[in-house]
PDB file of all heavy atoms in Angstrom:
ATOM      1  N   ALA A   1      11.848   0.758  10.791  1.00  0.00           N
ATOM      2  CA  ALA A   1      12.138   0.451   9.459  1.00  0.00           C
ATOM      3  C   ALA A   1      12.322  -1.057   9.240  1.00  0.00           C
ATOM      4  O   ALA A   1      12.902  -1.745  10.068  1.00  0.00           O
ATOM      5  CB  ALA A   1      13.397   1.164   9.036  1.00  0.00           C
ATOM      6  N   ILE A   2      11.797  -1.566   8.106  1.00  0.00           N
ATOM      7  CA  ILE A   2      12.015  -2.955   7.736  1.00  0.00           C
ATOM      8  C   ILE A   2      12.345  -2.993   6.236  1.00  0.00           C
ATOM      9  O   ILE A   2      11.996  -2.076   5.477  1.00  0.00           O
ATOM     10  CB  ILE A   2      10.751  -3.842   8.021  1.00  0.00           C
ATOM     11  CG1 ILE A   2       9.569  -3.327   7.222  1.00  0.00           C
ATOM     12  CG2 ILE A   2      10.423  -3.851   9.470  1.00  0.00           C
ATOM     13  CD1 ILE A   2       8.346  -4.269   7.307  1.00  0.00           C
ATOM     14  N   VAL A   3      12.923  -4.087   5.812  1.00  0.00           N
ATOM     15  CA  VAL A   3      13.258  -4.261   4.364  1.00  0.00           C
ATOM     16  C   VAL A   3      12.162  -5.091   3.688  1.00  0.00           C
ATOM     17  O   VAL A   3      11.817  -6.234   4.176  1.00  0.00           O
ATOM     18  CB  VAL A   3      14.625  -4.976   4.221  1.00  0.00           C
ATOM     19  CG1 VAL A   3      14.932  -5.229   2.756  1.00  0.00           C
ATOM     20  CG2 VAL A   3      15.734  -4.199   4.891  1.00  0.00           C
ATOM     21  N   VAL A   4      11.597  -4.546   2.643  1.00  0.00           N
ATOM     22  CA  VAL A   4      10.540  -5.242   1.899  1.00  0.00           C
ATOM     23  C   VAL A   4      11.161  -6.183   0.882  1.00  0.00           C
ATOM     24  O   VAL A   4      12.115  -5.847   0.228  1.00  0.00           O
ATOM     25  CB  VAL A   4       9.610  -4.224   1.216  1.00  0.00           C
ATOM     26  CG1 VAL A   4       8.458  -4.922   0.457  1.00  0.00           C
ATOM     27  CG2 VAL A   4       9.035  -3.233   2.255  1.00  0.00           C
ATOM     28  N   LYS A   5      10.543  -7.334   0.729  1.00  0.00           N
ATOM     29  CA  LYS A   5      11.032  -8.308  -0.258  1.00  0.00           C
ATOM     30  C   LYS A   5       9.961  -8.544  -1.347  1.00  0.00           C
ATOM     31  O   LYS A   5       8.783  -8.297  -1.138  1.00  0.00           O
ATOM     32  CB  LYS A   5      11.386  -9.648   0.434  1.00  0.00           C
ATOM     33  CG  LYS A   5      12.550  -9.499   1.380  1.00  0.00           C
ATOM     34  CD  LYS A   5      12.986 -10.904   1.911  1.00  0.00           C
ATOM     35  CE  LYS A   5      14.227 -10.793   2.794  1.00  0.00           C
ATOM     36  NZ  LYS A   5      14.675 -12.131   3.283  1.00  0.00           N
ATOM     37  N   ALA A   6      10.444  -9.028  -2.526  1.00  0.00           N
ATOM     38  CA  ALA A   6       9.524  -9.313  -3.612  1.00  0.00           C
ATOM     39  C   ALA A   6       8.469 -10.328  -3.190  1.00  0.00           C
ATOM     40  O   ALA A   6       8.781 -11.325  -2.576  1.00  0.00           O
ATOM     41  CB  ALA A   6      10.264  -9.837  -4.829  1.00  0.00           C
ATOM     42  N   GLY A   7       7.223 -10.054  -3.510  1.00  0.00           N
ATOM     43  CA  GLY A   7       6.136 -10.954  -3.136  1.00  0.00           C
ATOM     44  C   GLY A   7       5.479 -10.652  -1.790  1.00  0.00           C
ATOM     45  O   GLY A   7       4.449 -11.274  -1.467  1.00  0.00           O
ATOM     46  N   ASP A   8       6.055  -9.703  -1.048  1.00  0.00           N
ATOM     47  CA  ASP A   8       5.448  -9.360   0.231  1.00  0.00           C
ATOM     48  C   ASP A   8       4.042  -8.748   0.024  1.00  0.00           C
ATOM     49  O   ASP A   8       3.825  -8.021  -0.974  1.00  0.00           O
ATOM     50  CB  ASP A   8       6.293  -8.344   0.968  1.00  0.00           C
ATOM     51  CG  ASP A   8       7.522  -8.965   1.638  1.00  0.00           C
ATOM     52  OD1 ASP A   8       7.636 -10.200   1.596  1.00  0.00           O
ATOM     53  OD2 ASP A   8       8.335  -8.242   2.265  1.00  0.00           O
ATOM     54  N   ARG A   9       3.125  -9.071   0.905  1.00  0.00           N
ATOM     55  CA  ARG A   9       1.786  -8.519   0.847  1.00  0.00           C
ATOM     56  C   ARG A   9       1.350  -8.024   2.247  1.00  0.00           C
ATOM     57  O   ARG A   9       1.632  -8.633   3.245  1.00  0.00           O
ATOM     58  CB  ARG A   9       0.777  -9.566   0.395  1.00  0.00           C
ATOM     59  CG  ARG A   9       1.153 -10.297  -0.923  1.00  0.00           C
ATOM     60  CD  ARG A   9       0.062 -11.163  -1.427  1.00  0.00           C
ATOM     61  NE  ARG A   9      -1.001 -10.406  -2.008  1.00  0.00           N
ATOM     62  CZ  ARG A   9      -1.026 -10.006  -3.315  1.00  0.00           C
ATOM     63  NH1 ARG A   9      -0.039 -10.378  -4.099  1.00  0.00           N
ATOM     64  NH2 ARG A   9      -2.033  -9.302  -3.790  1.00  0.00           N
ATOM     65  N   PHE A  10       0.675  -6.841   2.233  1.00  0.00           N
ATOM     66  CA  PHE A  10       0.118  -6.300   3.461  1.00  0.00           C
ATOM     67  C   PHE A  10      -1.322  -6.766   3.582  1.00  0.00           C
ATOM     68  O   PHE A  10      -2.118  -6.553   2.647  1.00  0.00           O
ATOM     69  CB  PHE A  10       0.179  -4.787   3.489  1.00  0.00           C
ATOM     70  CG  PHE A  10      -0.525  -4.181   4.612  1.00  0.00           C
ATOM     71  CD1 PHE A  10       0.045  -4.127   5.928  1.00  0.00           C
ATOM     72  CD2 PHE A  10      -1.822  -3.609   4.476  1.00  0.00           C
ATOM     73  CE1 PHE A  10      -0.617  -3.552   6.958  1.00  0.00           C
ATOM     74  CE2 PHE A  10      -2.495  -3.065   5.573  1.00  0.00           C
ATOM     75  CZ  PHE A  10      -1.841  -3.012   6.810  1.00  0.00           C
ATOM     76  N   ARG A  11      -1.648  -7.456   4.704  1.00  0.00           N
ATOM     77  CA  ARG A  11      -2.983  -7.970   4.818  1.00  0.00           C
ATOM     78  C   ARG A  11      -3.573  -7.600   6.169  1.00  0.00           C
ATOM     79  O   ARG A  11      -2.899  -7.532   7.199  1.00  0.00           O
ATOM     80  CB  ARG A  11      -2.961  -9.524   4.726  1.00  0.00           C
ATOM     81  CG  ARG A  11      -2.703 -10.013   3.328  1.00  0.00           C
ATOM     82  CD  ARG A  11      -2.815 -11.509   3.179  1.00  0.00           C
ATOM     83  NE  ARG A  11      -2.662 -11.953   1.820  1.00  0.00           N
ATOM     84  CZ  ARG A  11      -2.670 -13.230   1.429  1.00  0.00           C
ATOM     85  NH1 ARG A  11      -2.849 -14.162   2.333  1.00  0.00           N
ATOM     86  NH2 ARG A  11      -2.490 -13.540   0.140  1.00  0.00           N
ATOM     87  N   THR A  12      -4.881  -7.311   6.124  1.00  0.00           N
ATOM     88  CA  THR A  12      -5.607  -6.958   7.304  1.00  0.00           C
ATOM     89  C   THR A  12      -7.065  -6.945   6.963  1.00  0.00           C
ATOM     90  O   THR A  12      -7.467  -7.072   5.781  1.00  0.00           O
ATOM     91  CB  THR A  12      -5.208  -5.594   7.902  1.00  0.00           C
ATOM     92  OG1 THR A  12      -5.856  -5.376   9.137  1.00  0.00           O
ATOM     93  CG2 THR A  12      -5.571  -4.477   6.945  1.00  0.00           C
ATOM     94  N   ILE A  13      -7.947  -6.726   7.913  1.00  0.00           N
ATOM     95  CA  ILE A  13      -9.376  -6.478   7.689  1.00  0.00           C
ATOM     96  C   ILE A  13      -9.697  -5.223   8.468  1.00  0.00           C
ATOM     97  O   ILE A  13      -9.356  -5.086   9.646  1.00  0.00           O
ATOM     98  CB  ILE A  13     -10.285  -7.616   8.149  1.00  0.00           C
ATOM     99  CG1 ILE A  13     -10.121  -8.818   7.263  1.00  0.00           C
ATOM    100  CG2 ILE A  13     -11.768  -7.185   8.180  1.00  0.00           C
ATOM    101  CD1 ILE A  13     -10.972 -10.063   7.637  1.00  0.00           C
ATOM    102  N   VAL A  14     -10.310  -4.231   7.794  1.00  0.00           N
ATOM    103  CA  VAL A  14     -10.618  -2.951   8.425  1.00  0.00           C
ATOM    104  C   VAL A  14     -12.124  -2.842   8.577  1.00  0.00           C
ATOM    105  O   VAL A  14     -12.901  -3.211   7.706  1.00  0.00           O
ATOM    106  CB  VAL A  14     -10.078  -1.739   7.621  1.00  0.00           C
ATOM    107  CG1 VAL A  14      -8.567  -1.757   7.628  1.00  0.00           C
ATOM    108  CG2 VAL A  14     -10.614  -1.764   6.199  1.00  0.00           C
ATOM    109  N   ASN A  15     -12.543  -2.369   9.747  1.00  0.00           N
ATOM    110  CA  ASN A  15     -13.970  -2.136  10.047  1.00  0.00           C
ATOM    111  C   ASN A  15     -14.103  -1.355  11.320  1.00  0.00           C
ATOM    112  O   ASN A  15     -13.079  -1.015  11.951  1.00  0.00           O
ATOM    113  CB  ASN A  15     -14.727  -3.450  10.107  1.00  0.00           C
ATOM    114  CG  ASN A  15     -14.351  -4.362  11.238  1.00  0.00           C
ATOM    115  OD1 ASN A  15     -15.192  -5.061  11.809  1.00  0.00           O
ATOM    116  ND2 ASN A  15     -13.069  -4.414  11.635  1.00  0.00           N
ATOM    117  N   CYS A  16     -15.312  -0.997  11.640  1.00  0.00           N
ATOM    118  CA  CYS A  16     -15.574  -0.309  12.923  1.00  0.00           C
ATOM    119  C   CYS A  16     -15.838  -1.348  14.024  1.00  0.00           C
ATOM    120  O   CYS A  16     -16.298  -2.452  13.736  1.00  0.00           O
ATOM    121  CB  CYS A  16     -16.772   0.631  12.754  1.00  0.00           C
ATOM    122  SG  CYS A  16     -16.514   1.960  11.580  1.00  0.00           S
ATOM    123  N   GLN A  17     -15.548  -0.912  15.266  1.00  0.00           N
ATOM    124  CA  GLN A  17     -15.822  -1.838  16.343  1.00  0.00           C
ATOM    125  C   GLN A  17     -17.309  -1.980  16.579  1.00  0.00           C
ATOM    126  O   GLN A  17     -18.067  -1.004  16.357  1.00  0.00           O
ATOM    127  CB  GLN A  17     -15.162  -1.315  17.639  1.00  0.00           C
ATOM    128  CG  GLN A  17     -15.280  -2.229  18.830  1.00  0.00           C
ATOM    129  CD  GLN A  17     -14.699  -1.629  20.086  1.00  0.00           C
ATOM    130  OE1 GLN A  17     -14.850  -0.436  20.334  1.00  0.00           O
ATOM    131  NE2 GLN A  17     -14.009  -2.447  20.917  1.00  0.00           N
ATOM    132  N   TYR A  18     -17.762  -3.159  16.961  1.00  0.00           N
ATOM    133  CA  TYR A  18     -19.150  -3.429  17.170  1.00  0.00           C
ATOM    134  C   TYR A  18     -19.729  -2.438  18.215  1.00  0.00           C
ATOM    135  O   TYR A  18     -19.175  -2.203  19.238  1.00  0.00           O
ATOM    136  CB  TYR A  18     -19.325  -4.876  17.682  1.00  0.00           C
ATOM    137  CG  TYR A  18     -20.806  -5.250  17.861  1.00  0.00           C
ATOM    138  CD1 TYR A  18     -21.638  -5.494  16.776  1.00  0.00           C
ATOM    139  CD2 TYR A  18     -21.309  -5.400  19.181  1.00  0.00           C
ATOM    140  CE1 TYR A  18     -22.932  -5.840  16.962  1.00  0.00           C
ATOM    141  CE2 TYR A  18     -22.674  -5.737  19.328  1.00  0.00           C
ATOM    142  CZ  TYR A  18     -23.464  -5.978  18.252  1.00  0.00           C
ATOM    143  OH  TYR A  18     -24.791  -6.309  18.393  1.00  0.00           O
ATOM    144  N   GLY A  19     -20.867  -1.914  17.883  1.00  0.00           N
ATOM    145  CA  GLY A  19     -21.590  -0.937  18.759  1.00  0.00           C
ATOM    146  C   GLY A  19     -21.279   0.490  18.491  1.00  0.00           C
ATOM    147  O   GLY A  19     -21.904   1.367  19.036  1.00  0.00           O
ATOM    148  N   SER A  20     -20.245   0.770  17.601  1.00  0.00           N
ATOM    149  CA  SER A  20     -19.901   2.162  17.285  1.00  0.00           C
ATOM    150  C   SER A  20     -20.782   2.646  16.109  1.00  0.00           C
ATOM    151  O   SER A  20     -20.333   2.736  14.956  1.00  0.00           O
ATOM    152  CB  SER A  20     -18.431   2.270  16.930  1.00  0.00           C
ATOM    153  OG  SER A  20     -17.611   1.786  17.986  1.00  0.00           O
ATOM    154  N   ASN A  21     -22.055   2.860  16.426  1.00  0.00           N
ATOM    155  CA  ASN A  21     -23.069   3.084  15.389  1.00  0.00           C
ATOM    156  C   ASN A  21     -22.821   4.266  14.472  1.00  0.00           C
ATOM    157  O   ASN A  21     -23.295   4.280  13.324  1.00  0.00           O
ATOM    158  CB  ASN A  21     -24.458   3.226  16.064  1.00  0.00           C
ATOM    159  CG  ASN A  21     -24.851   1.957  16.812  1.00  0.00           C
ATOM    160  OD1 ASN A  21     -24.373   0.860  16.518  1.00  0.00           O
ATOM    161  ND2 ASN A  21     -25.707   2.103  17.803  1.00  0.00           N
ATOM    162  N   LYS A  22     -22.137   5.267  14.969  1.00  0.00           N
ATOM    163  CA  LYS A  22     -21.942   6.494  14.180  1.00  0.00           C
ATOM    164  C   LYS A  22     -20.507   6.554  13.582  1.00  0.00           C
ATOM    165  O   LYS A  22     -20.097   7.601  13.034  1.00  0.00           O
ATOM    166  CB  LYS A  22     -22.205   7.749  15.003  1.00  0.00           C
ATOM    167  CG  LYS A  22     -23.634   7.840  15.510  1.00  0.00           C
ATOM    168  CD  LYS A  22     -23.874   9.137  16.306  1.00  0.00           C
ATOM    169  CE  LYS A  22     -25.291   9.255  16.776  1.00  0.00           C
ATOM    170  NZ  LYS A  22     -25.513  10.478  17.560  1.00  0.00           N
ATOM    171  N   CYS A  23     -19.825   5.449  13.629  1.00  0.00           N
ATOM    172  CA  CYS A  23     -18.419   5.411  13.145  1.00  0.00           C
ATOM    173  C   CYS A  23     -18.330   5.734  11.644  1.00  0.00           C
ATOM    174  O   CYS A  23     -19.100   5.181  10.861  1.00  0.00           O
ATOM    175  CB  CYS A  23     -17.836   4.025  13.433  1.00  0.00           C
ATOM    176  SG  CYS A  23     -16.203   3.763  12.779  1.00  0.00           S
ATOM    177  N   ASP A  24     -17.419   6.624  11.280  1.00  0.00           N
ATOM    178  CA  ASP A  24     -17.183   6.999   9.888  1.00  0.00           C
ATOM    179  C   ASP A  24     -15.722   7.424   9.824  1.00  0.00           C
ATOM    180  O   ASP A  24     -15.376   8.563  10.209  1.00  0.00           O
ATOM    181  CB  ASP A  24     -18.128   8.130   9.466  1.00  0.00           C
ATOM    182  CG  ASP A  24     -17.994   8.455   7.974  1.00  0.00           C
ATOM    183  OD1 ASP A  24     -17.068   7.926   7.314  1.00  0.00           O
ATOM    184  OD2 ASP A  24     -18.788   9.238   7.446  1.00  0.00           O
ATOM    185  N   VAL A  25     -14.843   6.550   9.346  1.00  0.00           N
ATOM    186  CA  VAL A  25     -13.417   6.793   9.421  1.00  0.00           C
ATOM    187  C   VAL A  25     -12.766   6.451   8.090  1.00  0.00           C
ATOM    188  O   VAL A  25     -13.297   5.744   7.214  1.00  0.00           O
ATOM    189  CB  VAL A  25     -12.748   5.932  10.533  1.00  0.00           C
ATOM    190  CG1 VAL A  25     -13.212   6.360  11.877  1.00  0.00           C
ATOM    191  CG2 VAL A  25     -13.023   4.458  10.307  1.00  0.00           C
ATOM    192  N   ILE A  26     -11.524   6.992   7.947  1.00  0.00           N
ATOM    193  CA  ILE A  26     -10.674   6.685   6.833  1.00  0.00           C
ATOM    194  C   ILE A  26      -9.400   5.963   7.333  1.00  0.00           C
ATOM    195  O   ILE A  26      -8.651   6.531   8.095  1.00  0.00           O
ATOM    196  CB  ILE A  26     -10.250   7.954   6.038  1.00  0.00           C
ATOM    197  CG1 ILE A  26     -11.459   8.796   5.635  1.00  0.00           C
ATOM    198  CG2 ILE A  26      -9.367   7.614   4.870  1.00  0.00           C
ATOM    199  CD1 ILE A  26     -12.344   8.110   4.590  1.00  0.00           C
ATOM    200  N   PHE A  27      -9.243   4.707   6.901  1.00  0.00           N
ATOM    201  CA  PHE A  27      -8.024   3.969   7.185  1.00  0.00           C
ATOM    202  C   PHE A  27      -7.006   4.343   6.072  1.00  0.00           C
ATOM    203  O   PHE A  27      -7.427   4.453   4.903  1.00  0.00           O
ATOM    204  CB  PHE A  27      -8.247   2.458   7.145  1.00  0.00           C
ATOM    205  CG  PHE A  27      -9.055   1.891   8.276  1.00  0.00           C
ATOM    206  CD1 PHE A  27     -10.449   1.996   8.288  1.00  0.00           C
ATOM    207  CD2 PHE A  27      -8.464   1.355   9.387  1.00  0.00           C
ATOM    208  CE1 PHE A  27     -11.223   1.471   9.289  1.00  0.00           C
ATOM    209  CE2 PHE A  27      -9.214   0.821  10.417  1.00  0.00           C
ATOM    210  CZ  PHE A  27     -10.602   0.887  10.413  1.00  0.00           C
ATOM    211  N   ARG A  28      -5.718   4.393   6.442  1.00  0.00           N
ATOM    212  CA  ARG A  28      -4.701   4.705   5.458  1.00  0.00           C
ATOM    213  C   ARG A  28      -3.392   4.010   5.790  1.00  0.00           C
ATOM    214  O   ARG A  28      -3.031   3.924   6.962  1.00  0.00           O
ATOM    215  CB  ARG A  28      -4.518   6.213   5.357  1.00  0.00           C
ATOM    216  CG  ARG A  28      -3.882   6.647   4.006  1.00  0.00           C
ATOM    217  CD  ARG A  28      -3.889   8.143   3.878  1.00  0.00           C
ATOM    218  NE  ARG A  28      -2.787   8.786   4.502  1.00  0.00           N
ATOM    219  CZ  ARG A  28      -2.816   9.954   5.129  1.00  0.00           C
ATOM    220  NH1 ARG A  28      -3.954  10.602   5.218  1.00  0.00           N
ATOM    221  NH2 ARG A  28      -1.731  10.431   5.629  1.00  0.00           N
ATOM    222  N   LEU A  29      -2.725   3.543   4.766  1.00  0.00           N
ATOM    223  CA  LEU A  29      -1.380   2.925   4.927  1.00  0.00           C
ATOM    224  C   LEU A  29      -0.405   3.803   4.157  1.00  0.00           C
ATOM    225  O   LEU A  29      -0.471   3.901   2.929  1.00  0.00           O
ATOM    226  CB  LEU A  29      -1.356   1.491   4.417  1.00  0.00           C
ATOM    227  CG  LEU A  29       0.003   0.828   4.495  1.00  0.00           C
ATOM    228  CD1 LEU A  29       0.459   0.649   5.963  1.00  0.00           C
ATOM    229  CD2 LEU A  29      -0.001  -0.532   3.788  1.00  0.00           C
ATOM    230  N   ASP A  30       0.500   4.477   4.938  1.00  0.00           N
ATOM    231  CA  ASP A  30       1.591   5.232   4.347  1.00  0.00           C
ATOM    232  C   ASP A  30       2.900   4.550   4.573  1.00  0.00           C
ATOM    233  O   ASP A  30       3.006   3.574   5.363  1.00  0.00           O
ATOM    234  CB  ASP A  30       1.617   6.628   4.990  1.00  0.00           C
ATOM    235  CG  ASP A  30       0.489   7.533   4.529  1.00  0.00           C
ATOM    236  OD1 ASP A  30      -0.385   7.044   3.808  1.00  0.00           O
ATOM    237  OD2 ASP A  30       0.483   8.690   4.931  1.00  0.00           O
ATOM    238  N   TYR A  31       3.963   5.023   3.940  1.00  0.00           N
ATOM    239  CA  TYR A  31       5.279   4.569   4.199  1.00  0.00           C
ATOM    240  C   TYR A  31       6.281   5.699   4.048  1.00  0.00           C
ATOM    241  O   TYR A  31       6.043   6.668   3.304  1.00  0.00           O
ATOM    242  CB  TYR A  31       5.702   3.394   3.282  1.00  0.00           C
ATOM    243  CG  TYR A  31       5.935   3.802   1.850  1.00  0.00           C
ATOM    244  CD1 TYR A  31       7.205   4.058   1.382  1.00  0.00           C
ATOM    245  CD2 TYR A  31       4.883   3.790   0.941  1.00  0.00           C
ATOM    246  CE1 TYR A  31       7.420   4.371   0.028  1.00  0.00           C
ATOM    247  CE2 TYR A  31       5.059   4.119  -0.380  1.00  0.00           C
ATOM    248  CZ  TYR A  31       6.368   4.379  -0.821  1.00  0.00           C
ATOM    249  OH  TYR A  31       6.549   4.706  -2.144  1.00  0.00           O
ATOM    250  N   LYS A  32       7.372   5.650   4.824  1.00  0.00           N
ATOM    251  CA  LYS A  32       8.370   6.690   4.769  1.00  0.00           C
ATOM    252  C   LYS A  32       9.676   6.059   4.242  1.00  0.00           C
ATOM    253  O   LYS A  32      10.146   5.097   4.749  1.00  0.00           O
ATOM    254  CB  LYS A  32       8.609   7.294   6.177  1.00  0.00           C
ATOM    255  CG  LYS A  32       9.513   8.511   6.229  1.00  0.00           C
ATOM    256  CD  LYS A  32       9.557   9.089   7.653  1.00  0.00           C
ATOM    257  CE  LYS A  32      10.370  10.327   7.702  1.00  0.00           C
ATOM    258  NZ  LYS A  32      10.404  10.915   9.088  1.00  0.00           N
ATOM    259  N   ASN A  33      10.202   6.679   3.202  1.00  0.00           N
ATOM    260  CA  ASN A  33      11.404   6.176   2.576  1.00  0.00           C
ATOM    261  C   ASN A  33      12.306   7.379   2.237  1.00  0.00           C
ATOM    262  O   ASN A  33      11.888   8.296   1.512  1.00  0.00           O
ATOM    263  CB  ASN A  33      11.070   5.394   1.325  1.00  0.00           C
ATOM    264  CG  ASN A  33      12.284   4.758   0.671  1.00  0.00           C
ATOM    265  OD1 ASN A  33      13.334   4.602   1.301  1.00  0.00           O
ATOM    266  ND2 ASN A  33      12.167   4.338  -0.563  1.00  0.00           N
ATOM    267  N   ASN A  34      13.529   7.365   2.764  1.00  0.00           N
ATOM    268  CA  ASN A  34      14.461   8.476   2.537  1.00  0.00           C
ATOM    269  C   ASN A  34      13.877   9.805   2.934  1.00  0.00           C
ATOM    270  O   ASN A  34      14.124  10.838   2.229  1.00  0.00           O
ATOM    271  CB  ASN A  34      14.928   8.488   1.071  1.00  0.00           C
ATOM    272  CG  ASN A  34      15.663   7.249   0.677  1.00  0.00           C
ATOM    273  OD1 ASN A  34      16.472   6.711   1.444  1.00  0.00           O
ATOM    274  ND2 ASN A  34      15.482   6.784  -0.563  1.00  0.00           N
ATOM    275  N   GLY A  35      13.137   9.823   4.007  1.00  0.00           N
ATOM    276  CA  GLY A  35      12.593  11.104   4.527  1.00  0.00           C
ATOM    277  C   GLY A  35      11.309  11.524   3.857  1.00  0.00           C
ATOM    278  O   GLY A  35      10.756  12.550   4.260  1.00  0.00           O
ATOM    279  N   VAL A  36      10.829  10.803   2.824  1.00  0.00           N
ATOM    280  CA  VAL A  36       9.623  11.201   2.110  1.00  0.00           C
ATOM    281  C   VAL A  36       8.498  10.244   2.434  1.00  0.00           C
ATOM    282  O   VAL A  36       8.683   9.010   2.417  1.00  0.00           O
ATOM    283  CB  VAL A  36       9.856  11.183   0.546  1.00  0.00           C
ATOM    284  CG1 VAL A  36       8.633  11.550  -0.213  1.00  0.00           C
ATOM    285  CG2 VAL A  36      11.050  12.100   0.200  1.00  0.00           C
ATOM    286  N   VAL A  37       7.340  10.800   2.757  1.00  0.00           N
ATOM    287  CA  VAL A  37       6.152  10.000   3.128  1.00  0.00           C
ATOM    288  C   VAL A  37       5.281   9.914   1.939  1.00  0.00           C
ATOM    289  O   VAL A  37       4.902  10.945   1.336  1.00  0.00           O
ATOM    290  CB  VAL A  37       5.437  10.617   4.356  1.00  0.00           C
ATOM    291  CG1 VAL A  37       4.189   9.837   4.667  1.00  0.00           C
ATOM    292  CG2 VAL A  37       6.377  10.636   5.557  1.00  0.00           C
ATOM    293  N   LYS A  38       4.816   8.720   1.613  1.00  0.00           N
ATOM    294  CA  LYS A  38       3.889   8.494   0.492  1.00  0.00           C
ATOM    295  C   LYS A  38       2.756   7.605   0.975  1.00  0.00           C
ATOM    296  O   LYS A  38       2.929   6.799   1.921  1.00  0.00           O
ATOM    297  CB  LYS A  38       4.608   7.848  -0.691  1.00  0.00           C
ATOM    298  CG  LYS A  38       5.641   8.770  -1.317  1.00  0.00           C
ATOM    299  CD  LYS A  38       6.277   8.083  -2.547  1.00  0.00           C
ATOM    300  CE  LYS A  38       7.323   8.990  -3.186  1.00  0.00           C
ATOM    301  NZ  LYS A  38       7.965   8.373  -4.374  1.00  0.00           N
ATOM    302  N   THR A  39       1.637   7.709   0.309  1.00  0.00           N
ATOM    303  CA  THR A  39       0.440   6.854   0.633  1.00  0.00           C
ATOM    304  C   THR A  39       0.378   5.682  -0.312  1.00  0.00           C
ATOM    305  O   THR A  39       0.434   5.845  -1.531  1.00  0.00           O
ATOM    306  CB  THR A  39      -0.867   7.694   0.533  1.00  0.00           C
ATOM    307  OG1 THR A  39      -0.796   8.758   1.486  1.00  0.00           O
ATOM    308  CG2 THR A  39      -2.083   6.823   0.789  1.00  0.00           C
TER     309      THR A  39
END
């Protein structure tokens, strides 16, 4: 658990690894707060 502050941004780059020619995936960012998970 961490405390989020105003202005915080989640940053990354998502892609498949080089050479994984048949790659087909879903990336997802969820969070859990007070026992409830949301996307």
